[in-house]
Amino acid sequence: YYIIISDTMPIIVGISGFLLLFLADALDVLTLDRGGDKRMRKITASLRIVGYSAVSIPLLWVVLNLGTQTQWFSWPGSARVVLWLLAAFSLGMLLWTVFFEIETIRKKKGIPEDALVSEGSYSRCRHPGFWWFAALALCLGALEPSNDNVLMLLVMILLDLILVWVQDIVFFPKLFAGYDGYKKAVPFLIPRRSRHKSR
């Protein structure tokens, strides 16, 4: 019983994290409809911090349990080094695109806070962070290719896909002025070769 709980707890925490991110977006829309509420914005910001932290738990659990499960196969040393480098690069790009790139562009271009950003990575596809999250999860799954890990990481990728799809269809058009036009100019997930030039 303890083993079952310990094995399922990371994915339960991860699912809870995605639910909190959904809730934060929904509350942002309600806050916008009410003309703005600073206290509610602080609440949604806190929900995102907890949500993102919870989403990271399954990934961290895989890292901390490398070599402790029955693997499908074992990579040679050089291949593991490559996978670790790819995972580290994907993590860095994930953190950049989700947490830093938008604010950096806003400051550089003088774009108002909470306004739509369609430059940088976001000029190639509307949700570039999804690809870096998927790449990180796949690298970690490849490093520890066991039944539990691969299933858990695939579920996390699927949940992230659902999150960005709902954001794209339901939340972002209400939160960002001009998002419908952005959707027509920039693809959802498949990156375009040339960058979209914002006006």
N, C-alpha and C. Protein backbone atom coordinates (compact mmCIF):
# COMPACT_ATOMS: atom_id res chain seq x y z
N TYR A 1 0.84 -1.21 0.00
CA TYR A 1 0.00 0.00 0.00
C TYR A 1 0.87 1.25 0.00
N TYR A 2 1.91 1.28 0.81
CA TYR A 2 2.82 2.42 0.88
C TYR A 2 3.51 2.63 -0.46
N ILE A 3 3.90 1.51 -1.10
CA ILE A 3 4.59 1.63 -2.39
C ILE A 3 3.66 2.24 -3.43
N ILE A 4 2.39 1.82 -3.44
CA ILE A 4 1.43 2.35 -4.39
C ILE A 4 1.27 3.86 -4.20
N ILE A 5 1.14 4.28 -2.93
CA ILE A 5 0.98 5.70 -2.63
C ILE A 5 2.21 6.48 -3.07
N SER A 6 3.40 5.98 -2.76
CA SER A 6 4.63 6.70 -3.09
C SER A 6 4.83 6.78 -4.59
N ASP A 7 4.39 5.77 -5.35
CA ASP A 7 4.55 5.77 -6.79
C ASP A 7 3.55 6.68 -7.49
N THR A 8 2.35 6.81 -6.92
CA THR A 8 1.31 7.61 -7.56
C THR A 8 1.30 9.06 -7.08
N MET A 9 1.92 9.35 -5.95
CA MET A 9 1.88 10.69 -5.40
C MET A 9 2.44 11.75 -6.36
N PRO A 10 3.58 11.51 -7.04
CA PRO A 10 4.11 12.55 -7.94
C PRO A 10 3.13 12.95 -9.04
N ILE A 11 2.46 11.99 -9.66
CA ILE A 11 1.53 12.33 -10.73
C ILE A 11 0.29 13.02 -10.18
N ILE A 12 -0.13 12.64 -8.97
CA ILE A 12 -1.27 13.32 -8.33
C ILE A 12 -0.92 14.78 -8.07
N VAL A 13 0.28 15.02 -7.58
CA VAL A 13 0.73 16.39 -7.34
C VAL A 13 0.83 17.15 -8.66
N GLY A 14 1.35 16.49 -9.70
CA GLY A 14 1.47 17.14 -11.00
C GLY A 14 0.12 17.52 -11.57
N ILE A 15 -0.86 16.61 -11.49
CA ILE A 15 -2.21 16.90 -11.98
C ILE A 15 -2.81 18.07 -11.19
N SER A 16 -2.58 18.08 -9.88
CA SER A 16 -3.08 19.18 -9.05
C SER A 16 -2.47 20.51 -9.49
N GLY A 17 -1.19 20.46 -9.88
CA GLY A 17 -0.53 21.67 -10.35
C GLY A 17 -1.18 22.23 -11.60
N PHE A 18 -1.50 21.37 -12.56
CA PHE A 18 -2.17 21.83 -13.77
C PHE A 18 -3.56 22.38 -13.46
N LEU A 19 -4.27 21.76 -12.52
CA LEU A 19 -5.59 22.27 -12.13
C LEU A 19 -5.47 23.66 -11.53
N LEU A 20 -4.42 23.90 -10.75
CA LEU A 20 -4.22 25.23 -10.18
C LEU A 20 -3.92 26.26 -11.26
N LEU A 21 -3.19 25.86 -12.29
CA LEU A 21 -2.90 26.79 -13.40
C LEU A 21 -4.17 27.10 -14.17
N PHE A 22 -5.03 26.09 -14.38
CA PHE A 22 -6.34 26.34 -14.99
C PHE A 22 -7.13 27.33 -14.14
N LEU A 23 -7.15 27.11 -12.84
CA LEU A 23 -7.91 27.96 -11.93
C LEU A 23 -7.39 29.39 -11.96
N ALA A 24 -6.07 29.56 -11.99
CA ALA A 24 -5.47 30.89 -12.03
C ALA A 24 -5.91 31.66 -13.28
N ASP A 25 -5.90 30.98 -14.44
CA ASP A 25 -6.34 31.63 -15.68
C ASP A 25 -7.82 32.00 -15.61
N ALA A 26 -8.63 31.10 -15.07
CA ALA A 26 -10.07 31.37 -14.96
C ALA A 26 -10.32 32.57 -14.05
N LEU A 27 -9.61 32.65 -12.94
CA LEU A 27 -9.77 33.78 -12.03
C LEU A 27 -9.28 35.07 -12.66
N ASP A 28 -8.24 34.99 -13.48
CA ASP A 28 -7.78 36.18 -14.20
C ASP A 28 -8.87 36.73 -15.11
N VAL A 29 -9.58 35.84 -15.79
CA VAL A 29 -10.68 36.27 -16.66
C VAL A 29 -11.79 36.92 -15.83
N LEU A 30 -12.13 36.33 -14.68
CA LEU A 30 -13.15 36.90 -13.81
C LEU A 30 -12.71 38.26 -13.28
N THR A 31 -11.44 38.38 -12.95
CA THR A 31 -10.90 39.65 -12.47
C THR A 31 -11.00 40.71 -13.55
N LEU A 32 -10.71 40.33 -14.78
CA LEU A 32 -10.78 41.26 -15.90
C LEU A 32 -12.21 41.73 -16.12
N ASP A 33 -13.16 40.81 -16.03
CA ASP A 33 -14.57 41.16 -16.22
C ASP A 33 -15.07 42.11 -15.13
N ARG A 34 -14.46 42.04 -13.96
CA ARG A 34 -14.88 42.89 -12.85
C ARG A 34 -14.12 44.22 -12.82
N GLY A 35 -13.33 44.47 -13.85
CA GLY A 35 -12.62 45.73 -13.93
C GLY A 35 -11.31 45.77 -13.18
N GLY A 36 -10.84 44.62 -12.75
CA GLY A 36 -9.54 44.58 -12.08
C GLY A 36 -9.68 44.48 -10.57
N ASP A 37 -8.91 43.62 -9.98
CA ASP A 37 -8.94 43.42 -8.53
C ASP A 37 -7.53 43.04 -8.11
N LYS A 38 -6.83 43.98 -7.46
CA LYS A 38 -5.43 43.75 -7.12
C LYS A 38 -5.27 42.58 -6.16
N ARG A 39 -6.19 42.43 -5.24
CA ARG A 39 -6.11 41.32 -4.29
C ARG A 39 -6.27 39.99 -5.00
N MET A 40 -7.20 39.93 -5.96
CA MET A 40 -7.39 38.70 -6.72
C MET A 40 -6.18 38.39 -7.59
N ARG A 41 -5.54 39.44 -8.12
CA ARG A 41 -4.34 39.22 -8.94
C ARG A 41 -3.22 38.63 -8.11
N LYS A 42 -3.12 39.04 -6.86
CA LYS A 42 -2.11 38.45 -5.98
C LYS A 42 -2.43 36.98 -5.71
N ILE A 43 -3.72 36.68 -5.60
CA ILE A 43 -4.13 35.30 -5.38
C ILE A 43 -3.77 34.44 -6.58
N THR A 44 -4.07 34.93 -7.78
CA THR A 44 -3.77 34.15 -8.99
C THR A 44 -2.26 34.00 -9.18
N ALA A 45 -1.50 35.03 -8.81
CA ALA A 45 -0.05 34.92 -8.89
C ALA A 45 0.46 33.82 -7.96
N SER A 46 -0.12 33.77 -6.75
CA SER A 46 0.26 32.73 -5.79
C SER A 46 -0.14 31.35 -6.29
N LEU A 47 -1.32 31.26 -6.91
CA LEU A 47 -1.76 29.98 -7.47
C LEU A 47 -0.80 29.50 -8.55
N ARG A 48 -0.30 30.41 -9.35
CA ARG A 48 0.64 30.01 -10.41
C ARG A 48 1.96 29.52 -9.82
N ILE A 49 2.43 30.19 -8.77
CA ILE A 49 3.68 29.76 -8.14
C ILE A 49 3.52 28.33 -7.61
N VAL A 50 2.42 28.08 -6.90
CA VAL A 50 2.17 26.75 -6.37
C VAL A 50 1.94 25.76 -7.50
N GLY A 51 1.20 26.19 -8.53
CA GLY A 51 0.91 25.30 -9.66
C GLY A 51 2.15 24.88 -10.42
N TYR A 52 2.99 25.84 -10.76
CA TYR A 52 4.23 25.50 -11.47
C TYR A 52 5.14 24.63 -10.61
N SER A 53 5.18 24.92 -9.32
CA SER A 53 6.00 24.10 -8.41
C SER A 53 5.49 22.66 -8.39
N ALA A 54 4.16 22.51 -8.34
CA ALA A 54 3.58 21.17 -8.30
C ALA A 54 3.82 20.42 -9.61
N VAL A 55 3.75 21.14 -10.74
CA VAL A 55 4.00 20.50 -12.04
C VAL A 55 5.43 19.99 -12.13
N SER A 56 6.35 20.66 -11.45
CA SER A 56 7.76 20.26 -11.50
C SER A 56 8.04 19.01 -10.66
N ILE A 57 7.14 18.66 -9.74
CA ILE A 57 7.39 17.54 -8.84
C ILE A 57 7.60 16.22 -9.57
N PRO A 58 6.74 15.83 -10.53
CA PRO A 58 6.98 14.56 -11.23
C PRO A 58 8.33 14.54 -11.96
N LEU A 59 8.73 15.66 -12.54
CA LEU A 59 10.03 15.71 -13.22
C LEU A 59 11.16 15.55 -12.21
N LEU A 60 11.04 16.26 -11.09
CA LEU A 60 12.07 16.15 -10.05
C LEU A 60 12.11 14.75 -9.47
N TRP A 61 10.94 14.13 -9.34
CA TRP A 61 10.88 12.77 -8.79
C TRP A 61 11.64 11.80 -9.69
N VAL A 62 11.50 11.95 -11.01
CA VAL A 62 12.23 11.09 -11.95
C VAL A 62 13.73 11.27 -11.78
N VAL A 63 14.17 12.54 -11.67
CA VAL A 63 15.60 12.82 -11.52
C VAL A 63 16.15 12.20 -10.24
N LEU A 64 15.40 12.34 -9.14
CA LEU A 64 15.89 11.85 -7.86
C LEU A 64 15.85 10.33 -7.75
N ASN A 65 15.09 9.68 -8.64
CA ASN A 65 14.97 8.22 -8.58
C ASN A 65 15.63 7.53 -9.76
N LEU A 66 16.56 8.22 -10.42
CA LEU A 66 17.28 7.59 -11.53
C LEU A 66 18.02 6.36 -11.04
N GLY A 67 17.86 5.26 -11.74
CA GLY A 67 18.58 4.05 -11.41
C GLY A 67 17.94 3.19 -10.34
N THR A 68 16.74 3.60 -9.85
CA THR A 68 16.10 2.82 -8.77
C THR A 68 14.96 1.94 -9.28
N GLN A 69 14.60 2.05 -10.55
CA GLN A 69 13.49 1.28 -11.09
C GLN A 69 13.98 0.30 -12.16
N THR A 70 13.13 -0.66 -12.45
CA THR A 70 13.44 -1.62 -13.51
C THR A 70 13.30 -0.94 -14.87
N GLN A 71 14.40 -0.81 -15.58
CA GLN A 71 14.41 -0.09 -16.84
C GLN A 71 14.20 -1.03 -18.01
N TRP A 72 13.65 -0.47 -19.11
CA TRP A 72 13.51 -1.26 -20.32
C TRP A 72 14.87 -1.59 -20.91
N PHE A 73 15.78 -0.64 -20.82
CA PHE A 73 17.14 -0.82 -21.32
C PHE A 73 18.02 0.23 -20.67
N SER A 74 19.33 0.11 -20.85
CA SER A 74 20.28 1.05 -20.25
C SER A 74 21.12 1.70 -21.35
N TRP A 75 21.22 3.03 -21.30
CA TRP A 75 22.01 3.76 -22.28
C TRP A 75 23.49 3.67 -21.95
N PRO A 76 24.36 3.67 -22.96
CA PRO A 76 25.81 3.80 -22.68
C PRO A 76 26.11 5.18 -22.12
N GLY A 77 27.29 5.30 -21.51
CA GLY A 77 27.64 6.54 -20.83
C GLY A 77 27.57 7.78 -21.70
N SER A 78 28.07 7.70 -22.93
CA SER A 78 28.07 8.87 -23.81
C SER A 78 26.67 9.31 -24.17
N ALA A 79 25.77 8.35 -24.37
CA ALA A 79 24.39 8.69 -24.69
C ALA A 79 23.70 9.36 -23.51
N ARG A 80 24.00 8.90 -22.30
CA ARG A 80 23.42 9.52 -21.11
C ARG A 80 23.89 10.96 -20.95
N VAL A 81 25.14 11.19 -21.27
CA VAL A 81 25.66 12.57 -21.20
C VAL A 81 24.90 13.46 -22.17
N VAL A 82 24.69 12.97 -23.38
CA VAL A 82 23.95 13.74 -24.38
C VAL A 82 22.52 14.02 -23.91
N LEU A 83 21.88 13.01 -23.33
CA LEU A 83 20.51 13.19 -22.84
C LEU A 83 20.46 14.19 -21.69
N TRP A 84 21.46 14.14 -20.81
CA TRP A 84 21.51 15.13 -19.72
C TRP A 84 21.70 16.54 -20.27
N LEU A 85 22.55 16.68 -21.27
CA LEU A 85 22.77 18.00 -21.87
C LEU A 85 21.51 18.52 -22.54
N LEU A 86 20.82 17.64 -23.25
CA LEU A 86 19.56 18.03 -23.89
C LEU A 86 18.50 18.40 -22.86
N ALA A 87 18.45 17.63 -21.76
CA ALA A 87 17.50 17.94 -20.70
C ALA A 87 17.80 19.29 -20.06
N ALA A 88 19.09 19.56 -19.81
CA ALA A 88 19.49 20.83 -19.21
C ALA A 88 19.17 21.99 -20.15
N PHE A 89 19.43 21.81 -21.45
CA PHE A 89 19.13 22.85 -22.43
C PHE A 89 17.61 23.10 -22.50
N SER A 90 16.83 22.01 -22.51
CA SER A 90 15.38 22.15 -22.56
C SER A 90 14.85 22.85 -21.32
N LEU A 91 15.41 22.52 -20.16
CA LEU A 91 14.99 23.18 -18.92
C LEU A 91 15.29 24.68 -18.99
N GLY A 92 16.50 25.01 -19.45
CA GLY A 92 16.87 26.42 -19.56
C GLY A 92 15.95 27.18 -20.50
N MET A 93 15.64 26.59 -21.64
CA MET A 93 14.76 27.25 -22.61
C MET A 93 13.33 27.33 -22.09
N LEU A 94 12.90 26.31 -21.35
CA LEU A 94 11.56 26.34 -20.76
C LEU A 94 11.44 27.50 -19.77
N LEU A 95 12.41 27.62 -18.88
CA LEU A 95 12.39 28.71 -17.91
C LEU A 95 12.44 30.07 -18.62
N TRP A 96 13.26 30.17 -19.66
CA TRP A 96 13.39 31.43 -20.39
C TRP A 96 12.07 31.82 -21.06
N THR A 97 11.47 30.90 -21.83
CA THR A 97 10.27 31.26 -22.59
C THR A 97 9.06 31.51 -21.69
N VAL A 98 8.94 30.77 -20.60
CA VAL A 98 7.74 30.88 -19.76
C VAL A 98 7.86 32.01 -18.74
N PHE A 99 9.04 32.19 -18.15
CA PHE A 99 9.16 33.11 -17.02
C PHE A 99 9.92 34.40 -17.31
N PHE A 100 10.78 34.41 -18.31
CA PHE A 100 11.65 35.58 -18.49
C PHE A 100 11.52 36.28 -19.85
N GLU A 101 11.26 35.53 -20.90
CA GLU A 101 11.30 36.13 -22.23
C GLU A 101 10.26 37.23 -22.41
N ILE A 102 9.02 36.97 -21.99
CA ILE A 102 7.96 37.95 -22.18
C ILE A 102 8.26 39.25 -21.45
N GLU A 103 8.69 39.16 -20.19
CA GLU A 103 9.00 40.37 -19.43
C GLU A 103 10.20 41.10 -20.02
N THR A 104 11.19 40.35 -20.52
CA THR A 104 12.35 40.98 -21.15
C THR A 104 11.95 41.76 -22.39
N ILE A 105 11.08 41.17 -23.22
CA ILE A 105 10.62 41.85 -24.43
C ILE A 105 9.80 43.08 -24.07
N ARG A 106 8.95 42.96 -23.06
CA ARG A 106 8.14 44.10 -22.64
C ARG A 106 9.00 45.28 -22.21
N LYS A 107 10.04 45.00 -21.43
CA LYS A 107 10.92 46.07 -20.97
C LYS A 107 11.72 46.66 -22.13
N LYS A 108 12.18 45.79 -23.01
CA LYS A 108 13.00 46.25 -24.14
C LYS A 108 12.19 47.07 -25.13
N LYS A 109 10.95 46.65 -25.40
CA LYS A 109 10.11 47.31 -26.40
C LYS A 109 9.15 48.33 -25.79
N GLY A 110 9.13 48.44 -24.48
CA GLY A 110 8.20 49.36 -23.84
C GLY A 110 6.75 48.93 -23.95
N ILE A 111 6.52 47.61 -23.97
CA ILE A 111 5.16 47.08 -24.08
C ILE A 111 4.51 47.10 -22.70
N PRO A 112 3.28 47.59 -22.59
CA PRO A 112 2.61 47.67 -21.28
C PRO A 112 2.49 46.30 -20.62
N GLU A 113 2.45 46.31 -19.29
CA GLU A 113 2.29 45.06 -18.54
C GLU A 113 0.97 44.39 -18.90
N ASP A 114 1.01 43.09 -19.05
CA ASP A 114 -0.15 42.27 -19.40
C ASP A 114 -0.61 42.43 -20.84
N ALA A 115 0.13 43.21 -21.65
CA ALA A 115 -0.22 43.33 -23.07
C ALA A 115 0.32 42.12 -23.83
N LEU A 116 -0.26 41.86 -24.98
CA LEU A 116 0.14 40.72 -25.80
C LEU A 116 1.56 40.89 -26.31
N VAL A 117 2.36 39.85 -26.20
CA VAL A 117 3.72 39.83 -26.75
C VAL A 117 3.77 38.83 -27.89
N SER A 118 4.19 39.29 -29.06
CA SER A 118 4.23 38.42 -30.24
C SER A 118 5.60 38.44 -30.90
N GLU A 119 6.63 38.65 -30.11
CA GLU A 119 7.99 38.68 -30.63
C GLU A 119 8.81 37.56 -29.99
N GLY A 120 10.05 37.42 -30.45
CA GLY A 120 10.91 36.36 -29.93
C GLY A 120 10.36 34.99 -30.27
N SER A 121 10.40 34.09 -29.31
CA SER A 121 9.87 32.74 -29.52
C SER A 121 8.39 32.77 -29.87
N TYR A 122 7.70 33.77 -29.36
CA TYR A 122 6.25 33.86 -29.56
C TYR A 122 5.88 34.40 -30.94
N SER A 123 6.89 34.70 -31.76
CA SER A 123 6.63 35.06 -33.15
C SER A 123 6.65 33.83 -34.06
N ARG A 124 7.11 32.72 -33.53
CA ARG A 124 7.19 31.48 -34.33
C ARG A 124 6.02 30.53 -34.05
N CYS A 125 5.60 30.45 -32.80
CA CYS A 125 4.37 29.72 -32.46
C CYS A 125 3.83 30.32 -31.18
N ARG A 126 2.55 30.08 -30.92
CA ARG A 126 1.89 30.77 -29.81
C ARG A 126 2.22 30.18 -28.44
N HIS A 127 2.70 28.95 -28.41
CA HIS A 127 3.01 28.31 -27.12
C HIS A 127 4.35 27.58 -27.20
N PRO A 128 5.44 28.31 -27.36
CA PRO A 128 6.75 27.64 -27.48
C PRO A 128 7.16 26.88 -26.23
N GLY A 129 6.66 27.30 -25.07
CA GLY A 129 7.02 26.61 -23.84
C GLY A 129 6.58 25.16 -23.82
N PHE A 130 5.50 24.86 -24.55
CA PHE A 130 5.04 23.47 -24.59
C PHE A 130 6.13 22.57 -25.13
N TRP A 131 6.83 22.98 -26.18
CA TRP A 131 7.84 22.13 -26.81
C TRP A 131 9.02 21.89 -25.88
N TRP A 132 9.41 22.93 -25.13
CA TRP A 132 10.54 22.74 -24.20
C TRP A 132 10.15 21.87 -23.03
N PHE A 133 8.90 21.98 -22.57
CA PHE A 133 8.43 21.09 -21.50
C PHE A 133 8.40 19.65 -22.00
N ALA A 134 7.87 19.45 -23.21
CA ALA A 134 7.81 18.10 -23.77
C ALA A 134 9.21 17.52 -23.98
N ALA A 135 10.14 18.36 -24.47
CA ALA A 135 11.50 17.89 -24.70
C ALA A 135 12.17 17.49 -23.39
N LEU A 136 11.96 18.31 -22.34
CA LEU A 136 12.54 17.99 -21.04
C LEU A 136 11.97 16.68 -20.50
N ALA A 137 10.65 16.52 -20.58
CA ALA A 137 10.02 15.30 -20.08
C ALA A 137 10.48 14.07 -20.86
N LEU A 138 10.60 14.19 -22.17
CA LEU A 138 11.04 13.06 -22.99
C LEU A 138 12.48 12.69 -22.70
N CYS A 139 13.33 13.69 -22.48
CA CYS A 139 14.72 13.40 -22.14
C CYS A 139 14.82 12.66 -20.81
N LEU A 140 14.04 13.11 -19.83
CA LEU A 140 14.07 12.44 -18.52
C LEU A 140 13.49 11.03 -18.63
N GLY A 141 12.46 10.88 -19.44
CA GLY A 141 11.90 9.55 -19.65
C GLY A 141 12.88 8.62 -20.34
N ALA A 142 13.67 9.17 -21.26
CA ALA A 142 14.68 8.36 -21.95
C ALA A 142 15.82 7.97 -21.01
N LEU A 143 16.14 8.86 -20.08
CA LEU A 143 17.20 8.55 -19.12
C LEU A 143 16.80 7.42 -18.19
N GLU A 144 15.50 7.35 -17.88
CA GLU A 144 14.99 6.32 -16.96
C GLU A 144 13.76 5.68 -17.60
N PRO A 145 13.96 4.86 -18.66
CA PRO A 145 12.83 4.31 -19.41
C PRO A 145 12.14 3.14 -18.71
N SER A 146 11.38 3.46 -17.66
CA SER A 146 10.60 2.45 -16.96
C SER A 146 9.12 2.69 -17.22
N ASN A 147 8.30 1.69 -16.95
CA ASN A 147 6.86 1.81 -17.21
C ASN A 147 6.25 3.00 -16.48
N ASP A 148 6.54 3.12 -15.19
CA ASP A 148 5.94 4.18 -14.38
C ASP A 148 6.37 5.56 -14.87
N ASN A 149 7.66 5.73 -15.12
CA ASN A 149 8.18 7.03 -15.51
C ASN A 149 7.65 7.47 -16.87
N VAL A 150 7.69 6.60 -17.84
CA VAL A 150 7.26 6.96 -19.19
C VAL A 150 5.78 7.31 -19.19
N LEU A 151 4.96 6.50 -18.51
CA LEU A 151 3.53 6.78 -18.45
C LEU A 151 3.27 8.11 -17.76
N MET A 152 3.93 8.35 -16.64
CA MET A 152 3.73 9.58 -15.89
C MET A 152 4.13 10.81 -16.72
N LEU A 153 5.27 10.73 -17.40
CA LEU A 153 5.74 11.87 -18.17
C LEU A 153 4.87 12.12 -19.40
N LEU A 154 4.37 11.06 -20.01
CA LEU A 154 3.45 11.24 -21.14
C LEU A 154 2.15 11.89 -20.69
N VAL A 155 1.67 11.52 -19.50
CA VAL A 155 0.47 12.16 -18.95
C VAL A 155 0.73 13.64 -18.71
N MET A 156 1.91 13.98 -18.21
CA MET A 156 2.24 15.38 -17.97
C MET A 156 2.28 16.17 -19.27
N ILE A 157 2.83 15.58 -20.32
CA ILE A 157 2.86 16.26 -21.62
C ILE A 157 1.44 16.47 -22.14
N LEU A 158 0.59 15.45 -22.00
CA LEU A 158 -0.79 15.55 -22.44
C LEU A 158 -1.53 16.65 -21.67
N LEU A 159 -1.32 16.71 -20.36
CA LEU A 159 -1.97 17.74 -19.55
C LEU A 159 -1.49 19.13 -19.96
N ASP A 160 -0.22 19.27 -20.27
CA ASP A 160 0.31 20.56 -20.72
C ASP A 160 -0.32 20.95 -22.06
N LEU A 161 -0.49 19.98 -22.94
CA LEU A 161 -1.14 20.24 -24.22
C LEU A 161 -2.58 20.71 -24.03
N ILE A 162 -3.29 20.04 -23.12
CA ILE A 162 -4.67 20.45 -22.82
C ILE A 162 -4.69 21.86 -22.25
N LEU A 163 -3.74 22.16 -21.36
CA LEU A 163 -3.68 23.49 -20.75
C LEU A 163 -3.50 24.57 -21.80
N VAL A 164 -2.50 24.42 -22.68
CA VAL A 164 -2.24 25.47 -23.67
C VAL A 164 -3.39 25.56 -24.67
N TRP A 165 -4.06 24.45 -24.95
CA TRP A 165 -5.20 24.48 -25.87
C TRP A 165 -6.35 25.26 -25.27
N VAL A 166 -6.66 25.01 -23.99
CA VAL A 166 -7.73 25.75 -23.32
C VAL A 166 -7.36 27.23 -23.20
N GLN A 167 -6.11 27.51 -22.86
CA GLN A 167 -5.65 28.90 -22.80
C GLN A 167 -5.87 29.59 -24.14
N ASP A 168 -5.52 28.89 -25.21
CA ASP A 168 -5.58 29.47 -26.54
C ASP A 168 -7.01 29.70 -27.01
N ILE A 169 -7.92 28.81 -26.63
CA ILE A 169 -9.30 28.88 -27.09
C ILE A 169 -10.18 29.73 -26.17
N VAL A 170 -9.98 29.57 -24.85
CA VAL A 170 -10.90 30.16 -23.89
C VAL A 170 -10.35 31.41 -23.21
N PHE A 171 -9.16 31.29 -22.62
CA PHE A 171 -8.67 32.34 -21.72
C PHE A 171 -7.96 33.49 -22.42
N PHE A 172 -6.97 33.19 -23.25
CA PHE A 172 -6.13 34.25 -23.80
C PHE A 172 -6.87 35.24 -24.69
N PRO A 173 -7.86 34.81 -25.51
CA PRO A 173 -8.60 35.80 -26.29
C PRO A 173 -9.31 36.84 -25.42
N LYS A 174 -9.65 36.46 -24.18
CA LYS A 174 -10.30 37.41 -23.28
C LYS A 174 -9.27 38.24 -22.50
N LEU A 175 -8.11 37.67 -22.28
CA LEU A 175 -7.11 38.36 -21.46
C LEU A 175 -6.24 39.32 -22.25
N PHE A 176 -6.03 39.04 -23.54
CA PHE A 176 -5.10 39.84 -24.35
C PHE A 176 -5.81 40.43 -25.56
N ALA A 177 -5.81 41.75 -25.64
CA ALA A 177 -6.38 42.42 -26.80
C ALA A 177 -5.57 42.08 -28.04
N GLY A 178 -6.25 41.78 -29.12
CA GLY A 178 -5.57 41.46 -30.36
C GLY A 178 -5.15 40.01 -30.49
N TYR A 179 -5.59 39.16 -29.54
CA TYR A 179 -5.15 37.76 -29.59
C TYR A 179 -5.74 37.02 -30.78
N ASP A 180 -6.95 37.38 -31.18
CA ASP A 180 -7.55 36.71 -32.34
C ASP A 180 -6.74 36.98 -33.60
N GLY A 181 -6.25 38.21 -33.75
CA GLY A 181 -5.40 38.52 -34.89
C GLY A 181 -4.06 37.80 -34.81
N TYR A 182 -3.54 37.69 -33.59
CA TYR A 182 -2.29 36.96 -33.36
C TYR A 182 -2.45 35.50 -33.76
N LYS A 183 -3.61 34.91 -33.46
CA LYS A 183 -3.87 33.52 -33.82
C LYS A 183 -3.88 33.32 -35.34
N LYS A 184 -4.34 34.32 -36.07
CA LYS A 184 -4.37 34.22 -37.52
C LYS A 184 -2.97 34.34 -38.13
N ALA A 185 -2.08 35.05 -37.44
CA ALA A 185 -0.76 35.32 -38.00
C ALA A 185 0.30 34.30 -37.57
N VAL A 186 0.12 33.72 -36.36
CA VAL A 186 1.14 32.84 -35.79
C VAL A 186 0.51 31.48 -35.49
N PRO A 187 1.17 30.38 -35.90
CA PRO A 187 0.60 29.05 -35.67
C PRO A 187 0.52 28.68 -34.19
N PHE A 188 -0.37 27.74 -33.90
CA PHE A 188 -0.61 27.30 -32.52
C PHE A 188 0.64 26.66 -31.92
N LEU A 189 1.13 25.60 -32.53
CA LEU A 189 2.28 24.88 -31.98
C LEU A 189 3.40 24.63 -32.99
N ILE A 190 3.07 24.35 -34.23
CA ILE A 190 4.10 24.06 -35.22
C ILE A 190 4.83 25.35 -35.57
N PRO A 191 6.10 25.49 -35.19
CA PRO A 191 6.81 26.77 -35.41
C PRO A 191 6.93 27.10 -36.89
N ARG A 192 6.76 28.37 -37.20
CA ARG A 192 6.95 28.84 -38.55
C ARG A 192 8.42 29.14 -38.78
N ARG A 193 8.85 29.09 -40.02
CA ARG A 193 10.27 29.33 -40.33
C ARG A 193 10.65 30.78 -40.13
N SER A 194 9.80 31.70 -40.62
CA SER A 194 10.08 33.11 -40.48
C SER A 194 9.31 33.67 -39.32
N ARG A 195 9.87 34.66 -38.67
CA ARG A 195 9.22 35.26 -37.52
C ARG A 195 8.12 36.20 -37.95
N HIS A 196 7.04 36.19 -37.19
CA HIS A 196 5.95 37.15 -37.40
C HIS A 196 6.40 38.51 -36.90
N LYS A 197 6.24 39.51 -37.72
CA LYS A 197 6.63 40.87 -37.33
C LYS A 197 5.42 41.59 -36.78
N SER A 198 5.50 41.92 -35.49
CA SER A 198 4.40 42.64 -34.87
C SER A 198 4.42 44.09 -35.32
N ARG A 199 3.25 44.67 -35.43
CA ARG A 199 3.14 46.05 -35.86
C ARG A 199 3.12 47.01 -34.68
